[in-house]
Amino acid sequence: MKKYILRPGILLSIVTAGIALSSCEKVDEVPPYKESSSTKVYKLPDPTIMTAEETAELKAIKAEYEAAVNNN
């Protein structure tokens, strides 16, 4: 009875180890660099000045954050 359990167990272990060892390949984490013949230049949009309401809201959020951090 042990032979019927032991042989498939060993065979299964060998197959599992073979699969595990053969699946370990070196992975290139960085995509390959390709030189482009494109002459496109990407430009960031021009910055806009915040309105008085946006400035007041930002200052309120910053004051709330500062109060929460300093109370610890």
Protein backbone atom coordinates (compact mmCIF):
# COMPACT_ATOMS: atom_id res chain seq x y z
CA MET A 1 0.00 0.00 0.00
CA LYS A 2 2.87 2.36 0.76
CA LYS A 3 4.31 1.81 -2.72
CA TYR A 4 1.09 3.03 -4.31
CA ILE A 5 1.24 6.25 -2.29
CA LEU A 6 5.02 6.73 -2.27
CA ARG A 7 5.70 6.46 -6.02
CA PRO A 8 3.10 9.03 -7.16
CA GLY A 9 4.18 11.30 -4.33
CA ILE A 10 7.80 11.21 -5.44
CA LEU A 11 6.79 11.64 -9.08
CA LEU A 12 4.59 14.60 -8.18
CA SER A 13 7.42 16.16 -6.17
CA ILE A 14 9.87 15.78 -9.07
CA VAL A 15 7.42 17.25 -11.58
CA THR A 16 6.61 20.16 -9.25
CA ALA A 17 10.29 20.88 -8.64
CA GLY A 18 10.98 20.72 -12.39
CA ILE A 19 8.18 23.16 -13.15
CA ALA A 20 9.26 25.52 -10.39
CA LEU A 21 12.91 25.51 -11.46
CA SER A 22 12.20 25.88 -15.17
CA SER A 23 9.85 28.81 -14.63
CA CYS A 24 12.57 30.94 -13.03
CA GLU A 25 13.87 33.07 -15.86
CA LYS A 26 15.60 36.39 -15.75
CA VAL A 27 13.04 39.16 -16.08
CA ASP A 28 13.96 42.52 -17.56
CA GLU A 29 12.22 45.05 -15.33
CA VAL A 30 12.98 48.01 -17.56
CA PRO A 31 11.40 48.14 -21.00
CA PRO A 32 13.82 48.35 -23.89
CA TYR A 33 14.88 51.85 -24.93
CA LYS A 34 14.01 52.79 -28.48
CA GLU A 35 15.28 55.89 -30.15
CA SER A 36 12.45 57.71 -31.83
CA SER A 37 12.69 59.70 -35.01
CA SER A 38 9.81 61.83 -33.82
CA THR A 39 10.49 65.50 -33.30
CA LYS A 40 7.55 66.08 -30.99
CA VAL A 41 8.24 68.29 -28.03
CA TYR A 42 5.85 67.96 -25.12
CA LYS A 43 5.06 71.27 -23.45
CA LEU A 44 3.44 71.60 -20.06
CA PRO A 45 0.45 73.91 -19.93
CA ASP A 46 1.09 77.44 -18.75
CA PRO A 47 0.46 77.90 -15.03
CA THR A 48 -2.60 79.85 -13.97
CA ILE A 49 -2.88 82.20 -11.02
CA MET A 50 -5.28 81.07 -8.31
CA THR A 51 -8.33 83.16 -7.55
CA ALA A 52 -8.92 84.70 -4.13
CA GLU A 53 -11.43 81.95 -3.28
CA GLU A 54 -8.98 79.20 -4.23
CA THR A 55 -6.22 80.87 -2.23
CA ALA A 56 -8.47 81.17 0.83
CA GLU A 57 -9.51 77.51 0.51
CA LEU A 58 -5.89 76.40 0.23
CA LYS A 59 -4.89 78.45 3.28
CA ALA A 60 -7.79 76.97 5.28
CA ILE A 61 -6.77 73.43 4.35
CA LYS A 62 -3.14 74.17 5.22
CA ALA A 63 -4.12 75.71 8.58
CA GLU A 64 -6.29 72.66 9.38
CA TYR A 65 -3.39 70.35 8.52
CA GLU A 66 -0.90 72.36 10.57
CA ALA A 67 -3.28 72.39 13.55
CA ALA A 68 -3.76 68.62 13.33
CA VAL A 69 -0.04 67.94 13.06
CA ASN A 70 1.00 70.31 15.87
CA ASN A 71 -1.57 68.89 18.32
CA ASN A 72 0.17 65.54 18.50
